[in-house]
C-alpha atoms as a PDB file:
ATOM      1  CA  MET A   1     -56.218 -51.843  41.128  1.00  0.00           C
ATOM      2  CA  GLU A   2     -57.563 -48.281  40.241  1.00  0.00           C
ATOM      3  CA  GLN A   3     -56.248 -45.989  37.705  1.00  0.00           C
ATOM      4  CA  LEU A   4     -55.199 -42.598  38.974  1.00  0.00           C
ATOM      5  CA  THR A   5     -53.957 -39.785  37.766  1.00  0.00           C
ATOM      6  CA  ARG A   6     -50.426 -38.950  38.302  1.00  0.00           C
ATOM      7  CA  ILE A   7     -49.412 -35.115  38.733  1.00  0.00           C
ATOM      8  CA  GLN A   8     -45.830 -33.623  39.231  1.00  0.00           C
ATOM      9  CA  PHE A   9     -46.153 -30.019  40.518  1.00  0.00           C
ATOM     10  CA  VAL A  10     -43.344 -27.550  39.432  1.00  0.00           C
ATOM     11  CA  ALA A  11     -42.896 -24.206  40.308  1.00  0.00           C
ATOM     12  CA  ASP A  12     -40.488 -21.102  39.371  1.00  0.00           C
ATOM     13  CA  GLY A  13     -39.821 -19.933  42.606  1.00  0.00           C
ATOM     14  CA  SER A  14     -38.646 -16.260  41.170  1.00  0.00           C
ATOM     15  CA  TYR A  15     -42.077 -16.031  39.461  1.00  0.00           C
ATOM     16  CA  GLY A  16     -44.027 -17.419  42.450  1.00  0.00           C
ATOM     17  CA  ARG A  17     -42.529 -15.178  44.736  1.00  0.00           C
ATOM     18  CA  LYS A  18     -43.217 -12.326  42.289  1.00  0.00           C
ATOM     19  CA  ILE A  19     -47.219 -13.051  42.597  1.00  0.00           C
ATOM     20  CA  TYR A  20     -46.893 -13.786  47.047  1.00  0.00           C
ATOM     21  CA  SER A  21     -45.276 -10.216  47.248  1.00  0.00           C
ATOM     22  CA  TYR A  22     -47.859  -8.693  44.665  1.00  0.00           C
ATOM     23  CA  LEU A  23     -50.387 -10.173  46.942  1.00  0.00           C
ATOM     24  CA  SER A  24     -48.496  -9.346  50.550  1.00  0.00           C
ATOM     25  CA  GLU A  25     -47.921  -5.506  49.879  1.00  0.00           C
ATOM     26  CA  GLY A  26     -51.755  -4.818  49.145  1.00  0.00           C
ATOM     27  CA  ILE A  27     -54.246  -4.566  46.252  1.00  0.00           C
ATOM     28  CA  ASP A  28     -56.653  -1.454  47.417  1.00  0.00           C
ATOM     29  CA  LEU A  29     -55.351  -1.246  50.522  1.00  0.00           C
ATOM     30  CA  ILE A  30     -56.103  -4.445  51.044  1.00  0.00           C
ATOM     31  CA  THR A  31     -52.991  -7.562  51.962  1.00  0.00           C
ATOM     32  CA  TYR A  32     -53.766 -11.163  50.579  1.00  0.00           C
ATOM     33  CA  SER A  33     -52.403 -14.578  51.204  1.00  0.00           C
ATOM     34  CA  ILE A  34     -52.447 -17.398  49.003  1.00  0.00           C
ATOM     35  CA  HIS A  35     -53.094 -21.064  50.408  1.00  0.00           C
ATOM     36  CA  TRP A  36     -51.022 -23.271  48.293  1.00  0.00           C
ATOM     37  CA  ASP A  37     -52.350 -26.059  49.966  1.00  0.00           C
ATOM     38  CA  LYS A  38     -55.799 -25.148  48.691  1.00  0.00           C
ATOM     39  CA  LEU A  39     -54.590 -24.049  45.509  1.00  0.00           C
ATOM     40  CA  LEU A  40     -52.818 -27.237  44.803  1.00  0.00           C
ATOM     41  CA  GLU A  41     -56.967 -28.911  45.811  1.00  0.00           C
ATOM     42  CA  TYR A  42     -58.025 -26.347  43.021  1.00  0.00           C
ATOM     43  CA  VAL A  43     -55.922 -28.408  40.638  1.00  0.00           C
ATOM     44  CA  SER A  44     -56.486 -31.526  42.105  1.00  0.00           C
ATOM     45  CA  SER A  45     -60.195 -31.315  41.317  1.00  0.00           C
ATOM     46  CA  THR A  46     -59.956 -29.485  38.052  1.00  0.00           C
ATOM     47  CA  ILE A  47     -57.662 -32.661  36.250  1.00  0.00           C
ATOM     48  CA  GLU A  48     -60.028 -35.014  37.786  1.00  0.00           C
ATOM     49  CA  LYS A  49     -63.255 -33.462  36.426  1.00  0.00           C
ATOM     50  CA  ILE A  50     -61.102 -33.638  32.879  1.00  0.00           C
ATOM     51  CA  ASP A  51     -59.793 -37.272  33.316  1.00  0.00           C
ATOM     52  CA  ASN A  52     -62.739 -38.359  35.512  1.00  0.00           C
ATOM     53  CA  ARG A  53     -60.998 -39.886  37.720  1.00  0.00           C
ATOM     54  CA  ARG A  54     -59.114 -39.535  40.869  1.00  0.00           C
ATOM     55  CA  SER A  55     -55.762 -37.866  41.036  1.00  0.00           C
ATOM     56  CA  ILE A  56     -52.241 -37.536  43.516  1.00  0.00           C
ATOM     57  CA  PHE A  57     -49.225 -36.102  43.237  1.00  0.00           C
ATOM     58  CA  THR A  58     -46.226 -37.695  42.394  1.00  0.00           C
ATOM     59  CA  LYS A  59     -43.900 -34.777  43.457  1.00  0.00           C
ATOM     60  CA  LYS A  60     -43.942 -30.853  44.788  1.00  0.00           C
ATOM     61  CA  VAL A  61     -41.078 -29.041  44.625  1.00  0.00           C
ATOM     62  CA  PHE A  62     -40.032 -25.244  43.642  1.00  0.00           C
ATOM     63  CA  PHE A  63     -36.876 -24.067  41.721  1.00  0.00           C
ATOM     64  CA  ILE A  64     -35.356 -20.767  43.116  1.00  0.00           C
ATOM     65  CA  GLY A  65     -31.804 -19.071  43.152  1.00  0.00           C
ATOM     66  CA  SER A  66     -30.529 -18.377  46.336  1.00  0.00           C
ATOM     67  CA  ASN A  67     -28.138 -16.300  48.381  1.00  0.00           C
ATOM     68  CA  PRO A  68     -27.966 -15.825  52.024  1.00  0.00           C
ATOM     69  CA  GLU A  69     -29.398 -12.466  52.042  1.00  0.00           C
ATOM     70  CA  TYR A  70     -31.917 -13.346  49.161  1.00  0.00           C
ATOM     71  CA  ASP A  71     -32.858 -16.296  51.302  1.00  0.00           C
ATOM     72  CA  GLU A  72     -33.782 -13.920  54.455  1.00  0.00           C
ATOM     73  CA  ALA A  73     -35.664 -11.650  52.555  1.00  0.00           C
ATOM     74  CA  ASN A  74     -37.792 -14.566  51.474  1.00  0.00           C
ATOM     75  CA  MET A  75     -38.006 -16.840  54.007  1.00  0.00           C
ATOM     76  CA  ASP A  76     -41.705 -16.129  54.902  1.00  0.00           C
ATOM     77  CA  TYR A  77     -42.589 -16.933  50.933  1.00  0.00           C
ATOM     78  CA  TYR A  78     -40.461 -20.296  51.622  1.00  0.00           C
ATOM     79  CA  ARG A  79     -42.274 -21.555  54.991  1.00  0.00           C
ATOM     80  CA  SER A  80     -45.688 -20.617  52.860  1.00  0.00           C
ATOM     81  CA  LEU A  81     -44.472 -23.030  50.419  1.00  0.00           C
ATOM     82  CA  GLU A  82     -43.142 -25.732  52.298  1.00  0.00           C
ATOM     83  CA  SER A  83     -46.079 -25.581  54.824  1.00  0.00           C
ATOM     84  CA  ALA A  84     -48.109 -26.853  52.056  1.00  0.00           C
ATOM     85  CA  GLY A  85     -45.936 -30.077  50.977  1.00  0.00           C
ATOM     86  CA  ILE A  86     -43.817 -28.172  48.493  1.00  0.00           C
ATOM     87  CA  GLN A  87     -40.263 -28.666  48.638  1.00  0.00           C
ATOM     88  CA  ARG A  88     -37.489 -26.342  47.682  1.00  0.00           C
ATOM     89  CA  ILE A  89     -35.006 -27.013  45.511  1.00  0.00           C
ATOM     90  CA  SER A  90     -32.331 -24.067  45.596  1.00  0.00           C
ATOM     91  CA  PHE A  91     -29.037 -23.350  43.474  1.00  0.00           C
ATOM     92  CA  PRO A  92     -26.687 -20.456  43.852  1.00  0.00           C
ATOM     93  CA  LEU A  93     -27.336 -17.516  42.398  1.00  0.00           C
ATOM     94  CA  ARG A  94     -24.602 -17.842  39.175  1.00  0.00           C
ATOM     95  CA  SER A  95     -22.646 -14.962  39.518  1.00  0.00           C
ATOM     96  CA  THR A  96     -21.578 -12.795  35.686  1.00  0.00           C
ATOM     97  CA  GLN A  97     -20.572  -9.649  34.224  1.00  0.00           C
ATOM     98  CA  ASN A  98     -23.185  -6.993  32.271  1.00  0.00           C
ATOM     99  CA  LYS A  99     -21.803  -4.430  29.843  1.00  0.00           C
ATOM    100  CA  ASP A 100     -19.836  -2.147  31.980  1.00  0.00           C
ATOM    101  CA  GLY A 101     -17.689  -5.131  33.655  1.00  0.00           C
ATOM    102  CA  LYS A 102     -20.129  -4.641  36.732  1.00  0.00           C
ATOM    103  CA  SER A 103     -20.751  -8.391  39.028  1.00  0.00           C
ATOM    104  CA  ALA A 104     -24.500  -9.047  38.675  1.00  0.00           C
ATOM    105  CA  TYR A 105     -26.595 -12.408  39.691  1.00  0.00           C
ATOM    106  CA  LYS A 106     -28.533 -14.578  36.878  1.00  0.00           C
ATOM    107  CA  GLU A 107     -30.583 -17.662  37.631  1.00  0.00           C
ATOM    108  CA  ASP A 108     -30.139 -18.849  34.271  1.00  0.00           C
ATOM    109  CA  ALA A 109     -29.273 -22.160  36.181  1.00  0.00           C
ATOM    110  CA  VAL A 110     -32.732 -22.457  38.009  1.00  0.00           C
ATOM    111  CA  ASP A 111     -34.583 -22.994  34.252  1.00  0.00           C
ATOM    112  CA  THR A 112     -32.150 -25.513  33.128  1.00  0.00           C
ATOM    113  CA  SER A 113     -32.213 -27.474  36.343  1.00  0.00           C
ATOM    114  CA  LEU A 114     -36.444 -27.571  36.232  1.00  0.00           C
ATOM    115  CA  VAL A 115     -36.175 -29.301  32.702  1.00  0.00           C
ATOM    116  CA  PHE A 116     -33.471 -31.349  33.412  1.00  0.00           C
ATOM    117  CA  SER A 117     -35.198 -32.382  36.330  1.00  0.00           C
ATOM    118  CA  VAL A 118     -38.550 -32.735  34.927  1.00  0.00           C
ATOM    119  CA  ALA A 119     -36.873 -34.470  31.598  1.00  0.00           C
ATOM    120  CA  LYS A 120     -35.252 -36.691  34.531  1.00  0.00           C
ATOM    121  CA  ASP A 121     -38.308 -37.545  36.818  1.00  0.00           C
ATOM    122  CA  PHE A 122     -39.927 -38.639  33.836  1.00  0.00           C
ATOM    123  CA  TYR A 123     -37.855 -41.333  31.609  1.00  0.00           C
ATOM    124  CA  THR A 124     -36.463 -42.843  34.585  1.00  0.00           C
ATOM    125  CA  SER A 125     -39.363 -44.052  36.086  1.00  0.00           C
ATOM    126  CA  LYS A 126     -40.779 -47.234  35.179  1.00  0.00           C
ATOM    127  CA  ILE A 127     -43.486 -46.602  32.072  1.00  0.00           C
ATOM    128  CA  GLU A 128     -46.529 -47.266  35.458  1.00  0.00           C
ATOM    129  CA  ASP A 129     -45.158 -44.963  37.235  1.00  0.00           C
ATOM    130  CA  ARG A 130     -44.663 -41.463  34.708  1.00  0.00           C
ATOM    131  CA  PHE A 131     -46.663 -38.246  35.695  1.00  0.00           C
ATOM    132  CA  ASP A 132     -49.390 -38.111  33.751  1.00  0.00           C
ATOM    133  CA  TRP A 133     -50.060 -33.743  33.776  1.00  0.00           C
ATOM    134  CA  LEU A 134     -47.278 -31.621  34.736  1.00  0.00           C
ATOM    135  CA  VAL A 135     -48.377 -28.723  36.779  1.00  0.00           C
ATOM    136  CA  LEU A 136     -46.715 -25.779  36.001  1.00  0.00           C
ATOM    137  CA  LEU A 137     -46.288 -22.028  37.726  1.00  0.00           C
ATOM    138  CA  ALA A 138     -44.434 -20.135  35.616  1.00  0.00           C
ATOM    139  CA  GLY A 139     -44.735 -18.094  32.844  1.00  0.00           C
ATOM    140  CA  ASP A 140     -41.430 -18.272  30.917  1.00  0.00           C
ATOM    141  CA  GLY A 141     -41.500 -18.835  27.469  1.00  0.00           C
ATOM    142  CA  ASP A 142     -37.624 -20.798  27.437  1.00  0.00           C
ATOM    143  CA  LEU A 143     -40.204 -23.862  28.876  1.00  0.00           C
ATOM    144  CA  VAL A 144     -42.351 -24.467  26.087  1.00  0.00           C
ATOM    145  CA  PRO A 145     -39.710 -26.681  24.455  1.00  0.00           C
ATOM    146  CA  LEU A 146     -40.181 -29.178  27.740  1.00  0.00           C
ATOM    147  CA  VAL A 147     -44.234 -28.890  27.218  1.00  0.00           C
ATOM    148  CA  GLN A 148     -43.843 -29.621  23.540  1.00  0.00           C
ATOM    149  CA  GLY A 149     -41.741 -32.426  24.743  1.00  0.00           C
ATOM    150  CA  LEU A 150     -43.563 -34.145  27.248  1.00  0.00           C
ATOM    151  CA  ALA A 151     -46.805 -33.661  24.823  1.00  0.00           C
ATOM    152  CA  THR A 152     -45.558 -36.039  22.276  1.00  0.00           C
ATOM    153  CA  GLU A 153     -44.991 -38.664  25.252  1.00  0.00           C
ATOM    154  CA  GLY A 154     -49.069 -38.245  26.102  1.00  0.00           C
ATOM    155  CA  VAL A 155     -48.346 -35.887  28.730  1.00  0.00           C
ATOM    156  CA  ARG A 156     -50.414 -33.399  29.046  1.00  0.00           C
ATOM    157  CA  THR A 157     -49.816 -29.732  30.830  1.00  0.00           C
ATOM    158  CA  LEU A 158     -51.132 -27.549  33.412  1.00  0.00           C
ATOM    159  CA  VAL A 159     -49.846 -23.867  33.523  1.00  0.00           C
ATOM    160  CA  ILE A 160     -50.908 -21.304  36.679  1.00  0.00           C
ATOM    161  CA  TYR A 161     -49.752 -17.748  35.596  1.00  0.00           C
ATOM    162  CA  PHE A 162     -51.133 -14.310  37.682  1.00  0.00           C
ATOM    163  CA  ASP A 163     -50.648 -11.223  34.872  1.00  0.00           C
ATOM    164  CA  PHE A 164     -50.707  -7.820  37.490  1.00  0.00           C
ATOM    165  CA  SER A 165     -48.484  -4.913  37.128  1.00  0.00           C
ATOM    166  CA  THR A 166     -46.325  -2.973  40.118  1.00  0.00           C
ATOM    167  CA  PRO A 167     -44.196  -0.659  40.320  1.00  0.00           C
ATOM    168  CA  PHE A 168     -41.175  -2.062  39.371  1.00  0.00           C
ATOM    169  CA  GLY A 169     -42.597  -3.256  35.703  1.00  0.00           C
ATOM    170  CA  THR A 170     -45.559  -5.838  34.662  1.00  0.00           C
ATOM    171  CA  THR A 171     -45.266  -9.470  35.217  1.00  0.00           C
ATOM    172  CA  ARG A 172     -46.733 -11.279  31.891  1.00  0.00           C
ATOM    173  CA  ALA A 173     -46.616 -14.867  31.119  1.00  0.00           C
ATOM    174  CA  SER A 174     -45.125 -15.940  27.539  1.00  0.00           C
ATOM    175  CA  GLN A 175     -47.808 -16.071  25.197  1.00  0.00           C
ATOM    176  CA  GLY A 176     -46.377 -19.173  23.590  1.00  0.00           C
ATOM    177  CA  LEU A 177     -46.143 -20.851  27.002  1.00  0.00           C
ATOM    178  CA  LEU A 178     -49.769 -20.219  27.402  1.00  0.00           C
ATOM    179  CA  GLU A 179     -50.509 -21.641  23.961  1.00  0.00           C
ATOM    180  CA  SER A 180     -48.663 -24.794  24.286  1.00  0.00           C
ATOM    181  CA  ALA A 181     -50.438 -26.020  27.290  1.00  0.00           C
ATOM    182  CA  HIS A 182     -53.537 -28.036  27.685  1.00  0.00           C
ATOM    183  CA  LYS A 183     -55.317 -26.091  30.322  1.00  0.00           C
ATOM    184  CA  VAL A 184     -54.731 -22.677  31.803  1.00  0.00           C
ATOM    185  CA  ILE A 185     -55.795 -21.425  35.034  1.00  0.00           C
ATOM    186  CA  SER A 186     -55.489 -17.928  35.643  1.00  0.00           C
ATOM    187  CA  LEU A 187     -55.041 -16.885  39.557  1.00  0.00           C
ATOM    188  CA  GLU A 188     -56.217 -13.321  38.402  1.00  0.00           C
ATOM    189  CA  ASN A 189     -59.554 -15.362  37.300  1.00  0.00           C
ATOM    190  CA  LEU A 190     -59.125 -17.245  40.666  1.00  0.00           C
ATOM    191  CA  PHE A 191     -58.720 -13.782  43.068  1.00  0.00           C
ATOM    192  CA  ARG A 192     -61.348 -12.324  41.364  1.00  0.00           C
ATOM    193  CA  GLU A 193     -63.627 -15.365  41.735  1.00  0.00           C
ATOM    194  CA  ARG A 194     -66.851 -14.370  43.742  1.00  0.00           C
ATOM    195  CA  VAL A 195     -69.067 -17.462  43.867  1.00  0.00           C
ATOM    196  CA  ASP A 196     -66.970 -20.627  43.677  1.00  0.00           C
ATOM    197  CA  PRO A 197     -65.743 -21.275  47.102  1.00  0.00           C
ATOM    198  CA  ASP A 198     -62.696 -23.464  46.034  1.00  0.00           C
ATOM    199  CA  ALA A 199     -61.541 -20.785  43.575  1.00  0.00           C
ATOM    200  CA  LYS A 200     -62.031 -18.188  46.710  1.00  0.00           C
ATOM    201  CA  ALA A 201     -60.796 -20.933  49.830  1.00  0.00           C
ATOM    202  CA  VAL A 202     -56.935 -20.259  47.748  1.00  0.00           C
ATOM    203  CA  PHE A 203     -56.885 -17.097  48.799  1.00  0.00           C
ATOM    204  CA  SER A 204     -57.558 -14.578  51.865  1.00  0.00           C
ATOM    205  CA  GLN A 205     -57.587 -11.404  52.870  1.00  0.00           C
ATOM    206  CA  LYS A 206     -54.847 -10.706  55.649  1.00  0.00           C
ATOM    207  CA  GLU A 207     -55.353  -7.559  56.811  1.00  0.00           C
ATOM    208  CA  LYS A 208     -57.171  -3.965  55.879  1.00  0.00           C
ATOM    209  CA  LEU A 209     -54.956  -0.748  55.510  1.00  0.00           C
ATOM    210  CA  ASN A 210     -56.646   2.382  56.826  1.00  0.00           C
ATOM    211  CA  SER A 211     -54.972   5.138  58.159  1.00  0.00           C
ATOM    212  CA  ILE A 212     -55.119   3.401  61.786  1.00  0.00           C
ATOM    213  CA  ASN A 213     -52.845   0.560  60.431  1.00  0.00           C
ATOM    214  CA  ASN A 214     -50.720   2.775  57.779  1.00  0.00           C
ATOM    215  CA  GLU A 215     -47.983   1.820  59.609  1.00  0.00           C
ATOM    216  CA  THR A 216     -48.222  -1.705  59.226  1.00  0.00           C
ATOM    217  CA  PHE A 217     -48.917  -1.031  55.712  1.00  0.00           C
ATOM    218  CA  GLN A 218     -45.514   0.701  55.142  1.00  0.00           C
ATOM    219  CA  ARG A 219     -44.226  -1.423  57.437  1.00  0.00           C
ATOM    220  CA  VAL A 220     -45.076  -4.541  54.894  1.00  0.00           C
ATOM    221  CA  LYS A 221     -44.296  -2.127  51.872  1.00  0.00           C
ATOM    222  CA  ASN A 222     -40.967  -1.808  52.492  1.00  0.00           C
ATOM    223  CA  ALA A 223     -40.250  -5.307  53.564  1.00  0.00           C
ATOM    224  CA  ILE A 224     -41.575  -6.268  49.873  1.00  0.00           C
ATOM    225  CA  ILE A 225     -39.911  -3.209  48.293  1.00  0.00           C
ATOM    226  CA  GLU A 226     -36.104  -4.279  50.085  1.00  0.00           C
ATOM    227  CA  ALA A 227     -37.007  -8.198  48.808  1.00  0.00           C
ATOM    228  CA  SER A 228     -37.285  -6.320  44.941  1.00  0.00           C
ATOM    229  CA  ALA A 229     -34.003  -3.496  45.902  1.00  0.00           C
ATOM    230  CA  TYR A 230     -31.691  -6.738  45.041  1.00  0.00           C
ATOM    231  CA  ASP A 231     -32.961  -6.838  41.329  1.00  0.00           C
ATOM    232  CA  TYR A 232     -32.111  -3.245  41.544  1.00  0.00           C
ATOM    233  CA  LEU A 233     -29.163  -3.533  42.987  1.00  0.00           C
ATOM    234  CA  ASN A 234     -27.558  -6.055  40.771  1.00  0.00           C
ATOM    235  CA  SER A 235     -27.984  -3.865  37.941  1.00  0.00           C
ATOM    236  CA  LEU A 236     -26.406  -1.079  38.994  1.00  0.00           C
ATOM    237  CA  THR A 237     -23.868   0.771  36.802  1.00  0.00           C
ATOM    238  CA  SER A 238     -21.241   2.629  36.735  1.00  0.00           C
ATOM    239  CA  SER A 239     -23.788   5.387  35.130  1.00  0.00           C
ATOM    240  CA  ASP A 240     -26.240   4.978  37.919  1.00  0.00           C
ATOM    241  CA  ILE A 241     -23.145   5.692  40.440  1.00  0.00           C
ATOM    242  CA  GLU A 242     -21.889   9.383  37.991  1.00  0.00           C
ATOM    243  CA  ARG A 243     -25.846   9.977  37.992  1.00  0.00           C
ATOM    244  CA  ALA A 244     -25.617   9.796  41.686  1.00  0.00           C
ATOM    245  CA  ILE A 245     -22.661  12.570  42.188  1.00  0.00           C
ATOM    246  CA  GLU A 246     -23.679  14.528  40.017  1.00  0.00           C
ATOM    247  CA  LEU A 247     -27.323  15.251  41.574  1.00  0.00           C
ATOM    248  CA  ASN A 248     -25.740  15.587  44.970  1.00  0.00           C
ATOM    249  CA  THR A 249     -26.069  19.419  46.178  1.00  0.00           C
ATOM    250  CA  ARG A 250     -23.639  18.541  48.861  1.00  0.00           C
ATOM    251  CA  LYS A 251     -20.362  18.076  46.831  1.00  0.00           C
ATOM    252  CA  ASP A 252     -17.572  20.019  48.247  1.00  0.00           C
ATOM    253  CA  PRO A 253     -15.467  22.500  45.765  1.00  0.00           C
ATOM    254  CA  GLU A 254     -12.986  19.290  44.744  1.00  0.00           C
ATOM    255  CA  GLY A 255     -16.165  17.193  43.768  1.00  0.00           C
ATOM    256  CA  TRP A 256     -16.272  15.105  46.629  1.00  0.00           C
ATOM    257  CA  VAL A 257     -19.393  13.310  48.235  1.00  0.00           C
ATOM    258  CA  LEU A 258     -19.734  11.762  51.135  1.00  0.00           C
ATOM    259  CA  VAL A 259     -20.627   7.729  50.564  1.00  0.00           C
ATOM    260  CA  ALA A 260     -23.303   7.756  52.127  1.00  0.00           C
ATOM    261  CA  GLN A 261     -25.127  10.245  50.513  1.00  0.00           C
ATOM    262  CA  ILE A 262     -24.641   8.768  47.497  1.00  0.00           C
ATOM    263  CA  GLY A 263     -26.356   5.343  49.183  1.00  0.00           C
ATOM    264  CA  LYS A 264     -29.345   8.546  49.873  1.00  0.00           C
ATOM    265  CA  GLN A 265     -29.477   9.422  46.592  1.00  0.00           C
ATOM    266  CA  LEU A 266     -29.958   5.710  45.054  1.00  0.00           C
ATOM    267  CA  GLU A 267     -32.908   5.356  47.141  1.00  0.00           C
ATOM    268  CA  MET A 268     -34.692   8.335  45.691  1.00  0.00           C
ATOM    269  CA  GLN A 269     -34.122   6.786  42.719  1.00  0.00           C
ATOM    270  CA  LEU A 270     -35.442   3.439  43.682  1.00  0.00           C
ATOM    271  CA  GLY A 271     -37.716   4.630  46.306  1.00  0.00           C
ATOM    272  CA  ALA A 272     -36.934   2.943  49.259  1.00  0.00           C
ATOM    273  CA  LYS A 273     -34.502   1.391  51.427  1.00  0.00           C
ATOM    274  CA  LEU A 274     -31.582   0.098  49.968  1.00  0.00           C
ATOM    275  CA  PRO A 275     -31.164  -3.725  51.325  1.00  0.00           C
ATOM    276  CA  TYR A 276     -29.476  -4.426  55.001  1.00  0.00           C
ATOM    277  CA  GLY A 277     -26.202  -4.797  54.170  1.00  0.00           C
ATOM    278  CA  VAL A 278     -25.477  -3.579  50.714  1.00  0.00           C
ATOM    279  CA  LYS A 279     -22.147  -2.290  50.791  1.00  0.00           C
ATOM    280  CA  LEU A 280     -21.910   0.871  48.390  1.00  0.00           C
ATOM    281  CA  ARG A 281     -18.497   0.929  48.697  1.00  0.00           C
ATOM    282  CA  THR A 282     -17.623  -2.316  47.512  1.00  0.00           C
ATOM    283  CA  GLU A 283     -19.719  -1.112  44.405  1.00  0.00           C
ATOM    284  CA  ILE A 284     -17.729   1.760  43.914  1.00  0.00           C
ATOM    285  CA  GLU A 285     -14.538   0.398  44.519  1.00  0.00           C
ATOM    286  CA  LYS A 286     -16.024  -2.457  40.797  1.00  0.00           C
ATOM    287  CA  TYR A 287     -14.498   0.696  38.480  1.00  0.00           C
ATOM    288  CA  PRO A 288     -11.609   2.712  39.896  1.00  0.00           C
ATOM    289  CA  GLU A 289     -10.817   3.588  36.126  1.00  0.00           C
ATOM    290  CA  LYS A 290     -14.068   5.956  37.044  1.00  0.00           C
ATOM    291  CA  PHE A 291     -14.189   6.621  40.847  1.00  0.00           C
ATOM    292  CA  GLU A 292     -11.655   7.642  43.113  1.00  0.00           C
ATOM    293  CA  THR A 293     -11.921   7.284  46.745  1.00  0.00           C
ATOM    294  CA  LYS A 294     -10.891   8.275  50.545  1.00  0.00           C
ATOM    295  CA  GLU A 295     -10.660   7.944  53.700  1.00  0.00           C
ATOM    296  CA  VAL A 296     -10.928  10.946  55.698  1.00  0.00           C
ATOM    297  CA  PRO A 297     -12.634  12.984  56.745  1.00  0.00           C
ATOM    298  CA  ALA A 298     -14.861  10.304  55.846  1.00  0.00           C
ATOM    299  CA  TYR A 299     -15.553   8.316  53.445  1.00  0.00           C
ATOM    300  CA  SER A 300     -15.922   9.722  50.093  1.00  0.00           C
ATOM    301  CA  VAL A 301     -15.947   9.769  46.119  1.00  0.00           C
ATOM    302  CA  ARG A 302     -15.250  11.500  43.732  1.00  0.00           C
ATOM    303  CA  LEU A 303     -15.541  11.006  39.448  1.00  0.00           C
ATOM    304  CA  LYS A 304     -11.804  10.865  38.585  1.00  0.00           C
ATOM    305  CA  GLN A 305     -10.505  13.980  37.694  1.00  0.00           C
ATOM    306  CA  VAL A 306      -9.441  11.974  34.048  1.00  0.00           C
ATOM    307  CA  GLN A 307     -12.765  11.494  33.633  1.00  0.00           C
ATOM    308  CA  LEU A 308     -14.184  15.033  34.408  1.00  0.00           C
ATOM    309  CA  LYS A 309     -11.815  16.591  31.629  1.00  0.00           C
ATOM    310  CA  LYS A 310     -13.259  13.880  29.103  1.00  0.00           C
ATOM    311  CA  ARG A 311     -17.154  15.013  29.891  1.00  0.00           C
ATOM    312  CA  ILE A 312     -16.514  18.632  29.928  1.00  0.00           C
ATOM    313  CA  THR A 313     -14.314  18.494  26.601  1.00  0.00           C
ATOM    314  CA  ALA A 314     -17.077  16.548  25.392  1.00  0.00           C
ATOM    315  CA  LYS A 315     -19.882  18.897  26.289  1.00  0.00           C
ATOM    316  CA  LYS A 316     -17.810  22.083  25.321  1.00  0.00           C
ATOM    317  CA  LYS A 317     -17.884  19.623  21.659  1.00  0.00           C
END
């Protein structure tokens, strides 16, 4: 019987989404696609060269937090993975509270579920059916114990990562995770590859952006930024709303400002449109101790007068 190398591919879906968005938004005025099937072929070829035998994927999955709005914004990304046979495993984004008592969404359950699922697959399989390599598309240092634990069982790990920067921050893989892996593949290096045809096949140019199709570029860019805006909204605090009220030049003498104007002010801070369907009213009404609202002549908000007096007194001191 032919001896095969068994590979399990597991992706942190949120990490993969950042990579997908970075390429889709455009680099040097060119937008790109990532071909997950070609990436899997490249990974398989790399491992086969190391083991000197044929390899097969026993499982291909990506884990990601989920809610209806988030899923709608990322449907193209999901389809691109699923078309390569990579199955989506999603979990409701966990609701929690930040220091201001505001509700927010966290993806803690995704990392935990990823680790549990991989460990379960390994330890519940017959010895002859266990995977020999774990391929992780991830950058989180919390996965180091998983890599180290599997290493004691003889499983080698290949980590795929991509370091890059955007206006929203820098995505950088954990140094600890990279050092714990037996092999790493930098997607940045593959993207810049000029000779190896297998590496070059992982990416393809979608569209060259110029003055003629700048409208298309803006549409693509806005779609990507809108998806990222959910992260911004989840971190929105009462202080952000206060600042938007203070900076708005359309307050009436009593301090009232239209909530629609608050939305525009927040969009200026974000540099993009707030996600479709976002209800600022809901966000503002989470802080009844700080803001008061009225319905007429249009829905408006102002800093609660007792709060305003406290701030004026504090400034005088």
